[in-house]
Amino acid sequence: MSKKQHDIIQAEVQKLRLREQRTEVSCGLQRTEPSAEQPTSNPPQRSSHTGQHSLWTGHSRWDSSYSARSCSVPRMQLQKDPLVLHPNPPEKSEALLRKSFLREQQLHLEHARPTVFQAMEPYCNLSFSSCLLPESVISATELELLTQNVVLAHQETCQFRQENLHVLRWETFSTPEMQSFHHKPMDQMWERCVCHVTDAIQYIVEFAKRLSGFMDLNPNDQIVLLKAGAMELLLLRMSRAFNCYNSTVYFEGKYAQLELFHSLGCIDLISAMFDFCHILGVLNLSEHEIAFYSAMTLLDPCRPWLQDKQKVETLHRKLQVAFRHLLRRTHREGIISKLPHKERLSAICQLHLEKLNVFQQMYPGIAWERFPPLYKELFISEPDNS
C-alpha cells in the first residue's frame, strides 16, 4: 500500500474512533481503558447474526469440534501437526472497527457512484475470464482493502503451510505402506478419507466467514454457497499439496501416489482429482492467486436457490476487478485463459456424489452412522425411515 493510501485509511480510522467517543459522551457514558487486572470477557463470536440456521451456532453440525467427534477412525492430530496453520481470529474491537470502516467505504462509494455496477454490464459477464472492467469504476482504496481481505482470509485458514509442504514433497510412501492401504476394507478406507475431507472443509467454512460481504448475506444464501462450493474449494486447496513432478498428493504425513487409494473403489474419481490438481500445479499459482480463485468460486451468483442473487453477483464482480488488478500488477494476466473451466470442477463434484451413492448402496447405513455430521450435512440426505 502506498503512503498516501495508508494515510487515507488511518485518517478514516481516526474519524471512526472520534465518532464513537462522541456517541458515548452524548449518551452519558464515560469511556474507560481496560485494566490488566480486569477479568477477560467471553471470546467473541464469529458472527453477529442471531436466530439463524444452525450453521453459525455453537452446537452446529458445521462446527469443527462437533463434527470431529463423530470420526471413529484414527486420524492425524491437527493440533500436533507442524504443518497446520491454525486460524487466529482478530480481537473483537479490531474486527468491529475494520468492519465498520469497510462498511463506511462501501456506503461512500455507493453514494458517489450509485450506478457503478449497472455500468459494468457492457464490460463483464459472469465468467471472470472475460471480465474487461475499466479500473476507474472502483477506487484504489477499495481495491486494496478487498485484496488484503481475500489474501488474509486465505492465509489464516490454510490447513498446511506451503513452505513445509515443499520440504516434504519427496517424502513418499514405501511399497509395504502402499500394500497396507491396498488391503484395507473399502468402508474403512472411505471413512478414513471422508474424515480428512471434513477436516479440510472446516477450514473452508472459516475462509468463507472471513470474506468481506459473506456474513452480510442472508443465512439461506450463505448455506447455499457453502454446500455448492465446498467440494470445489477443496479441490483448489488440494492442488497446493500436489507434486506435479511425480503426481503425488500430501496424505497423512507423506506424499501418496494414485494407487494408494485403490481400495476406495473409485479410481476414476481420484484420477480426475489428480488431473485437475496437475493442471493447476503447472500454472504455479501464487497464494494470492489461489485466494482470489477460491473466493470467486465460492461467491458464484450462478448457484441455484439463491434468494438474493444480485447481492452475490455484486460481490463476485468486485472480486473480478480486484483479481484483474492483481494480475495486471504482477504481469500474470495470461493465466486467466489457462484456468480450468468451472464445468470441469462441477463434473468432478458430481462424480464424487455418484461414487458416494454407490458406496451407500453397497454399505447401507454406514455412511449415515459413521461419517462426520459436517460431511453428511453437505453431501448425504437423511435416510428414509418410512
Protein backbone atom coordinates (compact mmCIF):
# COMPACT_ATOMS: atom_id res chain seq x y z
CA MET A 1 0.00 0.00 0.00
CA SER A 2 1.34 3.43 -0.88
CA LYS A 3 1.95 6.01 1.88
CA LYS A 4 -0.91 8.13 0.57
CA GLN A 5 -3.38 5.22 0.71
CA HIS A 6 -2.11 4.28 4.15
CA ASP A 7 -2.62 7.84 5.40
CA ILE A 8 -6.17 7.87 3.99
CA ILE A 9 -7.05 4.66 5.84
CA GLN A 10 -5.50 5.90 9.07
CA ALA A 11 -7.47 9.14 8.80
CA GLU A 12 -10.72 7.22 8.33
CA VAL A 13 -9.95 5.01 11.33
CA GLN A 14 -9.32 8.11 13.47
CA LYS A 15 -12.63 9.56 12.31
CA LEU A 16 -14.45 6.39 13.38
CA ARG A 17 -12.82 6.46 16.79
CA LEU A 18 -13.72 10.11 17.33
CA ARG A 19 -17.29 9.42 16.23
CA GLU A 20 -17.59 6.53 18.69
CA GLN A 21 -16.26 8.71 21.52
CA ARG A 22 -18.71 11.49 20.73
CA THR A 23 -21.59 8.99 20.67
CA GLU A 24 -20.66 7.61 24.06
CA VAL A 25 -20.31 11.10 25.58
CA SER A 26 -23.71 12.15 24.22
CA CYS A 27 -25.30 9.12 25.85
CA GLY A 28 -23.77 10.00 29.25
CA LEU A 29 -21.27 7.15 29.13
CA GLN A 30 -17.67 7.53 30.26
CA ARG A 31 -15.08 5.68 28.26
CA THR A 32 -12.57 3.76 30.42
CA GLU A 33 -9.46 1.93 29.39
CA PRO A 34 -9.46 -1.81 30.26
CA SER A 35 -7.19 -2.74 33.14
CA ALA A 36 -4.84 -5.68 33.00
CA GLU A 37 -6.38 -6.91 36.25
CA GLN A 38 -9.92 -6.97 34.85
CA PRO A 39 -11.30 -10.45 34.09
CA THR A 40 -11.28 -11.47 30.46
CA SER A 41 -14.67 -11.47 28.79
CA ASN A 42 -16.05 -14.37 26.82
CA PRO A 43 -14.34 -14.92 23.47
CA PRO A 44 -16.04 -13.01 20.65
CA GLN A 45 -18.43 -14.92 18.46
CA ARG A 46 -17.52 -15.06 14.80
CA SER A 47 -20.92 -13.92 13.70
CA SER A 48 -23.24 -11.17 14.89
CA HIS A 49 -26.27 -12.89 13.38
CA THR A 50 -28.83 -14.27 15.82
CA GLY A 51 -31.61 -16.72 15.31
CA GLN A 52 -30.05 -18.09 12.15
CA HIS A 53 -29.70 -21.61 10.82
CA SER A 54 -27.59 -23.94 12.93
CA LEU A 55 -24.66 -23.32 10.54
CA TRP A 56 -23.37 -20.49 12.73
CA THR A 57 -24.44 -21.62 16.20
CA GLY A 58 -22.14 -23.03 18.85
CA HIS A 59 -23.50 -26.60 18.52
CA SER A 60 -23.80 -26.51 14.75
CA ARG A 61 -23.39 -29.54 12.58
CA TRP A 62 -20.87 -27.32 10.80
CA ASP A 63 -18.90 -26.67 14.00
CA SER A 64 -15.38 -28.14 13.87
CA SER A 65 -15.35 -29.67 17.34
CA TYR A 66 -18.80 -31.20 16.89
CA SER A 67 -18.09 -32.77 13.51
CA ALA A 68 -14.72 -34.10 14.58
CA ARG A 69 -16.18 -36.07 17.47
CA SER A 70 -18.07 -38.41 15.15
CA CYS A 71 -14.95 -39.70 13.40
CA SER A 72 -14.21 -43.10 14.88
CA VAL A 73 -11.16 -43.90 12.75
CA PRO A 74 -7.65 -42.86 13.86
CA ARG A 75 -6.87 -39.53 12.29
CA MET A 76 -3.99 -37.09 12.28
CA GLN A 77 -3.99 -34.86 15.33
CA LEU A 78 -4.15 -31.50 13.63
CA GLN A 79 -3.08 -29.66 16.75
CA LYS A 80 0.22 -31.59 16.83
CA ASP A 81 0.97 -31.45 13.12
CA PRO A 82 3.69 -28.82 12.43
CA LEU A 83 2.18 -28.27 9.01
CA VAL A 84 -1.09 -26.98 10.39
CA LEU A 85 -1.61 -23.26 10.43
CA HIS A 86 -4.44 -22.62 12.89
CA PRO A 87 -6.51 -19.51 12.17
CA ASN A 88 -6.11 -16.83 14.84
CA PRO A 89 -9.27 -14.70 14.93
CA PRO A 90 -8.63 -10.98 15.43
CA GLU A 91 -9.68 -9.19 18.59
CA LYS A 92 -13.31 -8.19 18.70
CA SER A 93 -12.69 -4.45 18.86
CA GLU A 94 -10.27 -4.52 15.94
CA ALA A 95 -12.60 -6.67 13.87
CA LEU A 96 -15.57 -4.40 14.55
CA LEU A 97 -13.52 -1.32 13.73
CA ARG A 98 -12.31 -2.80 10.47
CA LYS A 99 -15.81 -3.97 9.55
CA SER A 100 -17.23 -0.52 10.34
CA PHE A 101 -14.56 1.14 8.25
CA LEU A 102 -15.17 -1.19 5.31
CA ARG A 103 -18.91 -0.53 5.54
CA GLU A 104 -18.32 3.24 5.52
CA GLN A 105 -16.08 2.90 2.50
CA GLN A 106 -18.76 0.88 0.72
CA LEU A 107 -21.51 3.37 1.55
CA HIS A 108 -19.33 6.24 0.38
CA LEU A 109 -18.67 4.51 -2.92
CA GLU A 110 -22.34 3.67 -3.42
CA HIS A 111 -23.40 7.28 -2.80
CA ALA A 112 -20.65 8.62 -5.00
CA ARG A 113 -21.38 6.19 -7.86
CA PRO A 114 -24.97 4.93 -7.48
CA THR A 115 -24.93 3.10 -10.81
CA VAL A 116 -21.37 1.81 -10.76
CA PHE A 117 -22.27 -1.85 -11.07
CA GLN A 118 -25.03 -1.15 -13.58
CA ALA A 119 -22.30 0.37 -15.71
CA MET A 120 -20.40 -2.92 -15.57
CA GLU A 121 -22.90 -4.80 -17.73
CA PRO A 122 -21.39 -3.85 -21.09
CA TYR A 123 -17.95 -4.94 -19.94
CA CYS A 124 -18.32 -8.14 -17.97
CA ASN A 125 -20.39 -11.29 -17.82
CA LEU A 126 -20.42 -13.85 -15.05
CA SER A 127 -17.28 -15.59 -16.30
CA PHE A 128 -14.27 -13.75 -14.83
CA SER A 129 -12.14 -14.92 -17.75
CA SER A 130 -13.94 -12.41 -19.99
CA CYS A 131 -14.04 -9.56 -17.47
CA LEU A 132 -12.84 -6.30 -19.06
CA LEU A 133 -13.98 -3.78 -16.47
CA PRO A 134 -12.29 -0.38 -16.56
CA GLU A 135 -10.27 0.14 -13.39
CA SER A 136 -11.80 3.59 -12.86
CA VAL A 137 -15.17 2.20 -11.69
CA ILE A 138 -13.71 1.15 -8.31
CA SER A 139 -11.42 3.27 -6.20
CA ALA A 140 -7.85 2.25 -5.48
CA THR A 141 -8.63 2.22 -1.75
CA GLU A 142 -11.48 -0.26 -2.16
CA LEU A 143 -9.35 -2.48 -4.39
CA GLU A 144 -6.56 -2.50 -1.84
CA LEU A 145 -8.88 -3.27 1.07
CA LEU A 146 -10.59 -6.08 -0.82
CA THR A 147 -7.26 -7.60 -1.84
CA GLN A 148 -5.99 -7.52 1.73
CA ASN A 149 -9.21 -9.11 2.99
CA VAL A 150 -9.17 -12.01 0.49
CA VAL A 151 -5.47 -12.78 0.94
CA LEU A 152 -5.65 -12.58 4.74
CA ALA A 153 -8.75 -14.82 4.85
CA HIS A 154 -6.86 -17.40 2.79
CA GLN A 155 -3.65 -17.21 4.81
CA GLU A 156 -5.42 -17.50 8.15
CA THR A 157 -7.38 -20.60 7.11
CA CYS A 158 -4.79 -22.65 5.21
CA GLN A 159 -4.66 -26.12 6.68
CA PHE A 160 -0.98 -26.63 5.83
CA ARG A 161 1.93 -24.24 5.46
CA GLN A 162 3.16 -24.11 1.90
CA GLU A 163 6.84 -23.94 2.83
CA ASN A 164 6.58 -27.12 4.93
CA LEU A 165 4.75 -28.96 2.18
CA HIS A 166 7.55 -28.02 -0.17
CA VAL A 167 10.14 -29.55 2.16
CA LEU A 168 8.23 -32.85 2.36
CA ARG A 169 7.31 -33.13 -1.30
CA TRP A 170 9.72 -36.03 -1.93
CA GLU A 171 8.71 -38.00 1.20
CA THR A 172 6.56 -40.75 -0.35
CA PHE A 173 5.02 -43.97 0.96
CA SER A 174 7.12 -47.10 0.74
CA THR A 175 5.95 -50.25 -1.06
CA PRO A 176 4.94 -52.06 2.18
CA GLU A 177 2.98 -48.98 3.28
CA MET A 178 1.20 -48.86 -0.06
CA GLN A 179 0.27 -52.55 0.25
CA SER A 180 -1.19 -51.99 3.71
CA PHE A 181 -3.54 -49.37 2.25
CA HIS A 182 -4.48 -51.74 -0.59
CA HIS A 183 -5.62 -54.37 1.91
CA LYS A 184 -7.88 -52.05 3.88
CA PRO A 185 -11.63 -52.77 3.55
CA MET A 186 -13.49 -50.33 1.35
CA ASP A 187 -15.73 -49.00 4.14
CA GLN A 188 -12.77 -48.30 6.43
CA MET A 189 -10.83 -46.52 3.68
CA TRP A 190 -13.89 -44.42 2.77
CA GLU A 191 -14.39 -43.42 6.40
CA ARG A 192 -10.73 -42.54 6.74
CA CYS A 193 -10.72 -40.31 3.64
CA VAL A 194 -14.06 -38.72 4.49
CA CYS A 195 -12.67 -37.64 7.85
CA HIS A 196 -9.74 -35.90 6.13
CA VAL A 197 -12.14 -34.25 3.67
CA THR A 198 -14.22 -33.00 6.60
CA ASP A 199 -11.16 -31.54 8.31
CA ALA A 200 -10.33 -29.59 5.14
CA ILE A 201 -13.91 -28.33 4.74
CA GLN A 202 -13.87 -26.93 8.28
CA TYR A 203 -11.07 -24.60 7.18
CA ILE A 204 -13.07 -23.69 4.07
CA VAL A 205 -16.06 -22.68 6.23
CA GLU A 206 -13.74 -20.40 8.22
CA PHE A 207 -12.40 -18.93 4.97
CA ALA A 208 -15.93 -18.09 3.86
CA LYS A 209 -16.79 -16.41 7.16
CA ARG A 210 -13.77 -14.11 6.86
CA LEU A 211 -14.51 -12.95 3.31
CA SER A 212 -15.79 -9.39 3.15
CA GLY A 213 -19.53 -9.40 2.49
CA PHE A 214 -20.17 -13.11 3.01
CA MET A 215 -21.57 -12.77 6.52
CA ASP A 216 -23.80 -9.91 5.32
CA LEU A 217 -25.65 -12.31 3.02
CA ASN A 218 -28.85 -13.86 4.32
CA PRO A 219 -28.38 -17.24 6.08
CA ASN A 220 -30.01 -19.20 3.27
CA ASP A 221 -27.57 -17.87 0.68
CA GLN A 222 -24.58 -18.50 2.97
CA ILE A 223 -25.59 -22.15 3.27
CA VAL A 224 -26.37 -22.49 -0.46
CA LEU A 225 -22.94 -21.14 -1.43
CA LEU A 226 -21.10 -23.37 1.04
CA LYS A 227 -22.97 -26.52 0.08
CA ALA A 228 -22.40 -25.88 -3.62
CA GLY A 229 -18.80 -24.70 -3.37
CA ALA A 230 -17.20 -26.65 -0.52
CA MET A 231 -16.02 -29.58 -2.65
CA GLU A 232 -14.82 -27.26 -5.41
CA LEU A 233 -12.74 -25.22 -2.96
CA LEU A 234 -11.39 -28.45 -1.51
CA LEU A 235 -10.04 -29.36 -4.96
CA LEU A 236 -8.42 -25.92 -5.30
CA ARG A 237 -6.73 -26.33 -1.93
CA MET A 238 -5.75 -29.89 -2.73
CA SER A 239 -3.73 -28.53 -5.67
CA ARG A 240 -1.49 -26.70 -3.15
CA ALA A 241 -0.50 -30.08 -1.71
CA PHE A 242 0.07 -31.74 -5.09
CA ASN A 243 3.52 -32.52 -6.53
CA CYS A 244 3.34 -32.27 -10.31
CA TYR A 245 6.76 -33.84 -10.80
CA ASN A 246 5.77 -37.28 -9.51
CA SER A 247 1.95 -36.92 -9.42
CA THR A 248 1.57 -37.36 -5.66
CA VAL A 249 -0.58 -35.60 -3.08
CA TYR A 250 0.04 -34.97 0.61
CA PHE A 251 -1.86 -37.50 2.73
CA GLU A 252 -1.28 -38.39 6.39
CA GLY A 253 2.25 -37.06 6.66
CA LYS A 254 3.66 -38.18 3.29
CA TYR A 255 3.00 -37.78 -0.42
CA ALA A 256 0.80 -40.52 -1.86
CA GLN A 257 0.53 -41.88 -5.38
CA LEU A 258 -2.77 -42.56 -7.10
CA GLU A 259 -2.52 -46.31 -6.39
CA LEU A 260 -2.66 -45.76 -2.63
CA PHE A 261 -6.40 -45.02 -2.90
CA HIS A 262 -7.17 -48.17 -4.88
CA SER A 263 -9.28 -49.76 -2.13
CA LEU A 264 -11.78 -46.89 -2.29
CA GLY A 265 -13.23 -48.49 -5.41
CA CYS A 266 -13.46 -45.19 -7.29
CA ILE A 267 -10.11 -44.82 -9.01
CA ASP A 268 -11.74 -42.81 -11.82
CA LEU A 269 -12.78 -40.11 -9.31
CA ILE A 270 -9.32 -39.97 -7.72
CA SER A 271 -7.73 -39.86 -11.16
CA ALA A 272 -9.93 -36.92 -12.18
CA MET A 273 -8.96 -35.09 -8.98
CA PHE A 274 -5.26 -35.74 -9.65
CA ASP A 275 -5.60 -34.49 -13.24
CA PHE A 276 -7.28 -31.29 -12.07
CA CYS A 277 -4.57 -30.68 -9.47
CA HIS A 278 -1.90 -31.25 -12.12
CA ILE A 279 -3.46 -28.59 -14.39
CA LEU A 280 -3.44 -26.03 -11.59
CA GLY A 281 0.00 -27.10 -10.40
CA VAL A 282 1.56 -26.48 -13.80
CA LEU A 283 0.27 -22.89 -13.66
CA ASN A 284 2.28 -22.37 -10.46
CA LEU A 285 -0.37 -20.15 -8.93
CA SER A 286 0.74 -17.90 -6.09
CA GLU A 287 -1.05 -17.91 -2.74
CA HIS A 288 -2.66 -14.57 -3.69
CA GLU A 289 -3.97 -16.05 -6.93
CA ILE A 290 -5.30 -19.18 -5.21
CA ALA A 291 -7.01 -16.94 -2.65
CA PHE A 292 -8.89 -14.97 -5.32
CA TYR A 293 -9.68 -18.06 -7.37
CA SER A 294 -11.20 -19.65 -4.25
CA ALA A 295 -13.19 -16.56 -3.29
CA MET A 296 -14.65 -16.19 -6.78
CA THR A 297 -15.51 -19.88 -6.94
CA LEU A 298 -17.32 -19.67 -3.61
CA LEU A 299 -19.23 -16.45 -4.37
CA ASP A 300 -20.69 -17.74 -7.61
CA PRO A 301 -24.00 -15.99 -8.44
CA CYS A 302 -24.97 -18.83 -10.78
CA ARG A 303 -25.67 -21.22 -7.89
CA PRO A 304 -29.32 -22.36 -7.84
CA TRP A 305 -31.66 -21.50 -4.94
CA LEU A 306 -30.05 -18.13 -4.12
CA GLN A 307 -32.57 -15.69 -2.68
CA ASP A 308 -30.51 -12.52 -3.16
CA LYS A 309 -28.66 -13.31 -6.35
CA GLN A 310 -27.93 -9.67 -7.14
CA LYS A 311 -26.03 -9.17 -3.88
CA VAL A 312 -23.86 -12.22 -4.57
CA GLU A 313 -23.30 -11.01 -8.12
CA THR A 314 -22.10 -7.64 -6.83
CA LEU A 315 -19.58 -9.31 -4.53
CA HIS A 316 -18.44 -11.59 -7.35
CA ARG A 317 -17.86 -8.69 -9.72
CA LYS A 318 -15.85 -6.77 -7.17
CA LEU A 319 -13.62 -9.82 -6.85
CA GLN A 320 -13.27 -9.95 -10.63
CA VAL A 321 -11.98 -6.39 -10.75
CA ALA A 322 -9.60 -6.88 -7.82
CA PHE A 323 -8.26 -10.13 -9.32
CA ARG A 324 -7.63 -8.44 -12.67
CA HIS A 325 -5.92 -5.58 -10.89
CA LEU A 326 -3.66 -8.02 -9.01
CA LEU A 327 -2.72 -9.91 -12.18
CA ARG A 328 -2.02 -6.67 -14.03
CA ARG A 329 0.41 -5.57 -11.35
CA THR A 330 2.23 -8.92 -11.40
CA HIS A 331 2.11 -9.27 -15.21
CA ARG A 332 0.24 -12.58 -14.89
CA GLU A 333 -2.93 -11.84 -16.85
CA GLY A 334 -2.14 -14.72 -19.20
CA ILE A 335 -3.10 -17.34 -16.62
CA ILE A 336 -6.80 -16.41 -16.77
CA SER A 337 -7.33 -18.15 -20.09
CA LYS A 338 -5.49 -21.23 -18.78
CA LEU A 339 -7.56 -21.77 -15.64
CA PRO A 340 -9.86 -24.83 -15.82
CA HIS A 341 -13.45 -24.14 -16.78
CA LYS A 342 -15.88 -24.34 -13.88
CA GLU A 343 -17.70 -27.12 -15.78
CA ARG A 344 -14.67 -29.33 -15.08
CA LEU A 345 -14.92 -28.61 -11.37
CA SER A 346 -18.65 -29.31 -11.39
CA ALA A 347 -18.13 -32.60 -13.22
CA ILE A 348 -15.66 -33.86 -10.58
CA CYS A 349 -18.03 -32.85 -7.77
CA GLN A 350 -20.90 -34.67 -9.49
CA LEU A 351 -18.73 -37.77 -9.90
CA HIS A 352 -17.99 -37.65 -6.18
CA LEU A 353 -21.73 -37.69 -5.41
CA GLU A 354 -22.24 -40.63 -7.78
CA LYS A 355 -19.47 -42.66 -6.14
CA LEU A 356 -20.85 -41.79 -2.71
CA ASN A 357 -24.25 -43.07 -3.80
CA VAL A 358 -22.69 -46.36 -4.98
CA PHE A 359 -20.91 -46.71 -1.63
CA GLN A 360 -24.19 -46.16 0.25
CA GLN A 361 -25.85 -48.88 -1.80
CA MET A 362 -23.01 -51.31 -1.04
CA TYR A 363 -22.90 -50.44 2.67
CA PRO A 364 -26.40 -49.31 3.69
CA GLY A 365 -26.44 -47.19 6.82
CA ILE A 366 -22.68 -46.97 7.35
CA ALA A 367 -22.33 -43.50 5.85
CA TRP A 368 -25.13 -42.05 7.97
CA GLU A 369 -23.92 -43.78 11.14
CA ARG A 370 -20.15 -43.29 10.91
CA PHE A 371 -19.42 -40.29 8.70
CA PRO A 372 -18.91 -36.84 10.33
CA PRO A 373 -22.00 -34.58 10.65
CA LEU A 374 -20.48 -31.84 8.50
CA TYR A 375 -19.89 -34.24 5.62
CA LYS A 376 -23.43 -35.61 5.93
CA GLU A 377 -24.82 -32.08 6.03
CA LEU A 378 -23.12 -31.30 2.74
CA PHE A 379 -23.44 -34.47 0.72
CA ILE A 380 -25.86 -37.01 2.24
CA SER A 381 -29.64 -36.86 2.55
CA GLU A 382 -31.31 -38.17 5.67
CA PRO A 383 -32.33 -41.83 5.35
CA ASP A 384 -35.97 -42.51 4.65
CA ASN A 385 -37.34 -44.49 7.59
CA SER A 386 -40.77 -44.96 6.10
